[in-house]
Structure formats: C-alpha cells, structure tokens
Amino acid sequence: MGRFGLGARRRGIPKEPALLAAAAENPGGSVAEIDARYLDDPNGYVPPEAIRGAWLVDSNGKLTGEYEENPHHGVPQDDFSKLTDPDHWLGWLGDDPAAAVRMGIEESLRAQVADAVVEWVKILETPRFLTGMRRHSEDDDQIMLVTRAALAAPFALSVRAAQHGRSILLGVFSWAAVNLAPPGLRRDRHWFDLGAGLDWAGERLEERIYEIDGEDSTTER
C-alpha cells in the first residue's frame, strides 16, 4: 500500500501476531492501521479517511518501528470529484450534479430499505457518459440540442439502517434521461447495480437510454 505523510516518527515495534504476519506479506511496503469505528470489515473497501496510518516494512518483511500518520484520518466524507472534474457537460443533472447523483443513490437505497441513511459516497472512477443530440432545425447545422443523456458511475458508500446496521456497498449507479429538449416530456430512470463493474454498466448505457423512450410515465427514479 502507499505511504502516508511526509515523514515518519518512531513508535517502537509492536508485537501483535496479525501485524507481524501482514508485514511479512508486504516486504518493502507498509501495513495500514484501520480505524474500526468507520467500517465493519477491514478486508473490504476501506475509505482513505478510515486509515489511521501505516507501519513501514523493510525489504525482509520486518517492521522498521517507524509509523507514518495519515493526515486525512477522520470521519469519511463524500467524494464526487471523479464525476465533476472531467470536462463533460452535466447540465442535465441541474446546478449541483454531485448532489443530484447522491440523492438518486439514496432514493435507490430507500426503495429497498425505507429508513436507509447514506453516510458517505465516493465515486471511484471517471463515469461513462453518453449524450445524444439533434440539430435545432433542418436549416441550422450550428445549434445542437441535447435530447438524451446518461451516465454510469462506480461507487463505494456506507449506508445505515435500523435493522441492518452499517453496510459498505460497491457497485455502479446509472442514470438515463430522455426528451431533454422540447417538445417531449422528460423521463428519467435510475439503476443501482450492486457488485457490478464499470465496463459492464457502461456497455448497457445505450440500450438503457433507449429502453425508457417508450415508457408512459413522465418520471421514474
């Protein structure tokens, strides 16, 4: 794993068997110290903020006694930078695309568990985007109108519910919208594919965006 911080401070060499075994499996690297308050399974997805720091390991798989603290350790936060940083038009999601996608994710979860509360969401890779356009008029090749759009965004998130406690989920959230330009009535649909990969979801964007063209409801989320 990567190292945290610009410098290390000496804390002695701990004797925990699990830590020593992990060090032996990572010669020349480091072993993370996980803050269990923020997740239940340290072997699953670990948000960067849940890492307290890392013990450094020498080339022989032995702890050096040096420990690098993670300056970002704390309560995990939302991270939608991989959605919003790419130079791709997201106006169809409104003034705050990150908030819109987060709300869509939470609505998808609450459709399954009514009292689900999302603690944090992280978009893990640049989403796949799909945009369809048409000319404004037959005589004008310069003005194009966006008629349909879609995205598939891979995520990790933490959700709490009274009956189930906390769960950390991985998957892809997809959103397609059609009839974005008059005279049609806009229709939206969300897909929440747990355990899916971005390639799989991205390949289905085009069929999904056309799938909702013939639906009767004006909005489905």
Protein backbone atom coordinates (compact mmCIF):
# COMPACT_ATOMS: atom_id res chain seq x y z
CA MET A 1 0.00 0.00 0.00
CA GLY A 2 1.03 3.61 -0.31
CA ARG A 3 2.66 5.59 2.47
CA PHE A 4 1.03 8.49 4.27
CA GLY A 5 2.63 11.75 5.37
CA LEU A 6 5.87 13.42 4.53
CA GLY A 7 7.85 11.98 7.41
CA ALA A 8 7.74 9.07 9.82
CA ARG A 9 8.06 9.02 13.56
CA ARG A 10 9.43 6.14 15.61
CA ARG A 11 6.92 4.33 17.83
CA GLY A 12 8.74 1.12 18.60
CA ILE A 13 7.99 -2.29 17.15
CA PRO A 14 4.62 -3.76 18.18
CA LYS A 15 4.32 -7.47 18.86
CA GLU A 16 0.81 -8.21 17.58
CA PRO A 17 0.97 -11.51 15.61
CA ALA A 18 -1.51 -10.33 12.96
CA LEU A 19 0.51 -7.17 12.31
CA LEU A 20 3.78 -9.11 12.11
CA ALA A 21 2.20 -11.59 9.69
CA ALA A 22 0.88 -8.77 7.49
CA ALA A 23 4.34 -7.19 7.46
CA ALA A 24 5.88 -10.47 6.33
CA GLU A 25 3.48 -10.48 3.37
CA ASN A 26 4.45 -6.91 2.34
CA PRO A 27 8.27 -6.64 2.23
CA GLY A 28 9.39 -3.15 1.32
CA GLY A 29 5.89 -1.77 1.79
CA SER A 30 3.68 -0.85 4.69
CA VAL A 31 0.78 -2.16 6.76
CA ALA A 32 -2.21 0.07 7.38
CA GLU A 33 -3.77 0.64 10.79
CA ILE A 34 -7.54 0.77 10.30
CA ASP A 35 -9.95 2.76 12.45
CA ALA A 36 -12.74 0.26 13.11
CA ARG A 37 -15.21 2.99 14.05
CA TYR A 38 -15.87 3.69 10.38
CA LEU A 39 -16.26 0.21 8.91
CA ASP A 40 -17.05 -3.33 9.93
CA ASP A 41 -14.88 -5.32 7.51
CA PRO A 42 -11.25 -4.15 7.14
CA ASN A 43 -10.83 -6.73 4.35
CA GLY A 44 -13.41 -4.98 2.17
CA TYR A 45 -13.37 -1.45 0.80
CA VAL A 46 -11.63 0.94 3.21
CA PRO A 47 -12.21 4.68 2.73
CA PRO A 48 -8.92 6.61 2.92
CA GLU A 49 -10.07 8.54 5.99
CA ALA A 50 -10.52 5.30 7.94
CA ILE A 51 -6.77 4.60 7.82
CA ARG A 52 -5.05 5.95 10.95
CA GLY A 53 -1.62 5.49 9.41
CA ALA A 54 0.83 2.83 8.29
CA TRP A 55 3.68 0.81 9.79
CA LEU A 56 6.69 0.71 7.48
CA VAL A 57 8.11 -2.66 6.49
CA ASP A 58 11.70 -3.36 5.47
CA SER A 59 12.82 -5.44 2.49
CA ASN A 60 12.85 -8.56 4.66
CA GLY A 61 9.22 -8.21 5.70
CA LYS A 62 10.05 -6.92 9.18
CA LEU A 63 8.54 -3.87 10.85
CA THR A 64 11.03 -1.00 10.98
CA GLY A 65 9.40 0.56 14.03
CA GLU A 66 8.50 3.64 12.01
CA TYR A 67 4.90 4.77 11.68
CA GLU A 68 3.50 7.34 9.25
CA GLU A 69 0.28 9.03 10.31
CA ASN A 70 -2.46 9.69 7.78
CA PRO A 71 -3.12 13.45 7.81
CA HIS A 72 -6.60 12.81 6.36
CA HIS A 73 -7.70 10.37 9.07
CA GLY A 74 -11.19 11.15 10.36
CA VAL A 75 -14.84 10.75 9.50
CA PRO A 76 -15.16 9.60 5.86
CA GLN A 77 -16.55 12.26 3.52
CA ASP A 78 -18.30 12.31 0.17
CA ASP A 79 -16.02 12.47 -2.85
CA PHE A 80 -17.62 13.23 -6.21
CA SER A 81 -14.52 14.71 -7.82
CA LYS A 82 -14.30 11.96 -10.44
CA LEU A 83 -17.84 12.87 -11.51
CA THR A 84 -17.44 16.65 -11.56
CA ASP A 85 -13.78 17.13 -12.54
CA PRO A 86 -13.95 15.71 -16.09
CA ASP A 87 -14.70 18.27 -18.79
CA HIS A 88 -18.09 16.80 -19.60
CA TRP A 89 -21.41 18.66 -19.72
CA LEU A 90 -23.63 17.70 -16.79
CA GLY A 91 -26.22 20.43 -17.09
CA TRP A 92 -28.97 17.82 -17.43
CA LEU A 93 -28.35 16.98 -13.74
CA GLY A 94 -29.09 20.54 -12.59
CA ASP A 95 -26.93 23.12 -10.86
CA ASP A 96 -25.32 20.61 -8.48
CA PRO A 97 -24.64 17.29 -10.28
CA ALA A 98 -22.97 15.74 -7.21
CA ALA A 99 -26.00 16.45 -5.02
CA ALA A 100 -28.34 15.12 -7.70
CA VAL A 101 -26.42 11.84 -8.04
CA ARG A 102 -26.17 11.46 -4.27
CA MET A 103 -29.94 11.96 -3.95
CA GLY A 104 -30.53 9.42 -6.71
CA ILE A 105 -28.35 6.88 -4.92
CA GLU A 106 -30.15 7.45 -1.63
CA GLU A 107 -33.56 7.15 -3.31
CA SER A 108 -32.47 3.82 -4.83
CA LEU A 109 -31.46 2.53 -1.41
CA ARG A 110 -34.63 3.75 0.28
CA ALA A 111 -36.68 1.93 -2.33
CA GLN A 112 -35.16 -1.22 -0.81
CA VAL A 113 -34.96 -0.16 2.86
CA ALA A 114 -37.20 2.73 3.85
CA ASP A 115 -35.03 4.10 6.66
CA ALA A 116 -31.68 3.84 4.84
CA VAL A 117 -29.36 6.76 5.53
CA VAL A 118 -26.27 7.25 3.38
CA GLU A 119 -23.24 8.21 5.48
CA TRP A 120 -20.84 8.86 2.61
CA VAL A 121 -20.44 8.21 -1.11
CA LYS A 122 -17.24 8.07 -3.15
CA ILE A 123 -17.19 7.89 -6.95
CA LEU A 124 -14.27 5.56 -7.61
CA GLU A 125 -13.56 6.12 -11.32
CA THR A 126 -14.46 8.59 -14.02
CA PRO A 127 -18.02 7.63 -15.03
CA ARG A 128 -19.01 6.55 -18.52
CA PHE A 129 -21.06 9.26 -20.17
CA LEU A 130 -23.46 9.12 -23.10
CA THR A 131 -25.04 12.16 -24.75
CA GLY A 132 -27.43 12.29 -27.73
CA MET A 133 -28.13 15.44 -29.76
CA ARG A 134 -30.10 16.70 -32.73
CA ARG A 135 -29.95 19.81 -34.87
CA HIS A 136 -32.08 22.71 -33.73
CA SER A 137 -33.61 22.91 -37.19
CA GLU A 138 -33.11 21.47 -40.66
CA ASP A 139 -31.62 24.76 -41.83
CA ASP A 140 -29.23 25.25 -38.90
CA ASP A 141 -26.22 22.99 -38.57
CA GLN A 142 -24.58 25.14 -35.89
CA ILE A 143 -27.03 24.79 -32.99
CA MET A 144 -27.41 21.36 -31.43
CA LEU A 145 -29.93 20.36 -28.78
CA VAL A 146 -29.21 17.66 -26.22
CA THR A 147 -32.09 15.19 -26.39
CA ARG A 148 -30.88 12.37 -24.13
CA ALA A 149 -28.06 11.76 -21.68
CA ALA A 150 -26.83 9.04 -19.37
CA LEU A 151 -24.01 8.15 -17.02
CA ALA A 152 -22.70 5.10 -15.19
CA ALA A 153 -20.74 5.93 -12.03
CA PRO A 154 -18.86 3.29 -9.98
CA PHE A 155 -19.23 3.93 -6.26
CA ALA A 156 -18.35 2.87 -2.75
CA LEU A 157 -20.69 4.00 0.00
CA SER A 158 -21.66 3.48 3.60
CA VAL A 159 -25.34 3.13 4.50
CA ARG A 160 -27.07 2.66 7.84
CA ALA A 161 -30.48 1.21 8.59
CA ALA A 162 -32.13 0.35 11.90
CA GLN A 163 -32.47 -3.35 11.17
CA HIS A 164 -29.24 -3.93 9.26
CA GLY A 165 -26.79 -1.52 10.88
CA ARG A 166 -23.97 -0.23 8.72
CA SER A 167 -23.12 -1.73 5.33
CA ILE A 168 -20.41 -0.70 2.89
CA LEU A 169 -21.55 -1.29 -0.67
CA LEU A 170 -19.76 -1.33 -4.01
CA GLY A 171 -21.36 -1.13 -7.43
CA VAL A 172 -22.39 1.18 -10.25
CA PHE A 173 -25.13 3.81 -10.21
CA SER A 174 -26.55 4.60 -13.65
CA TRP A 175 -28.92 7.39 -14.64
CA ALA A 176 -30.53 7.96 -18.03
CA ALA A 177 -32.79 10.80 -19.12
CA VAL A 178 -34.63 11.27 -22.42
CA ASN A 179 -36.69 14.04 -24.04
CA LEU A 180 -34.39 16.70 -22.63
CA ALA A 181 -35.30 19.08 -25.45
CA PRO A 182 -38.87 20.14 -26.33
CA PRO A 183 -41.46 19.10 -27.31
CA GLY A 184 -41.25 15.79 -25.41
CA LEU A 185 -41.80 15.28 -21.68
CA ARG A 186 -38.60 14.40 -19.86
CA ARG A 187 -38.30 10.89 -18.45
CA ASP A 188 -35.61 9.64 -16.05
CA ARG A 189 -34.65 6.26 -14.70
CA HIS A 190 -32.02 5.07 -12.21
CA TRP A 191 -30.26 1.70 -11.98
CA PHE A 192 -28.42 0.58 -8.85
CA ASP A 193 -26.23 -2.40 -9.75
CA LEU A 194 -24.51 -3.82 -6.66
CA GLY A 195 -21.28 -5.66 -7.34
CA ALA A 196 -21.24 -4.60 -11.00
CA GLY A 197 -18.18 -3.27 -12.79
CA LEU A 198 -17.92 -0.08 -14.83
CA ASP A 199 -17.29 -1.91 -18.12
CA TRP A 200 -20.44 -3.98 -17.67
CA ALA A 201 -22.61 -0.98 -16.77
CA GLY A 202 -21.06 1.23 -19.43
CA GLU A 203 -21.88 -1.28 -22.15
CA ARG A 204 -25.55 -1.15 -21.15
CA LEU A 205 -25.94 2.61 -21.17
CA GLU A 206 -27.08 2.87 -24.79
CA GLU A 207 -29.68 0.11 -24.51
CA ARG A 208 -30.91 1.56 -21.24
CA ILE A 209 -31.27 5.09 -22.57
CA TYR A 210 -33.42 3.83 -25.45
CA GLU A 211 -35.30 1.46 -23.18
CA ILE A 212 -37.12 4.32 -21.47
CA ASP A 213 -38.12 6.13 -24.67
CA GLY A 214 -41.37 4.19 -24.96
CA GLU A 215 -42.41 4.32 -21.31
CA ASP A 216 -45.59 6.12 -20.37
CA SER A 217 -44.56 7.61 -17.02
CA THR A 218 -43.13 11.11 -17.07
CA THR A 219 -40.56 10.42 -14.36
CA GLU A 220 -39.29 7.17 -12.90
CA ARG A 221 -36.47 7.15 -10.34
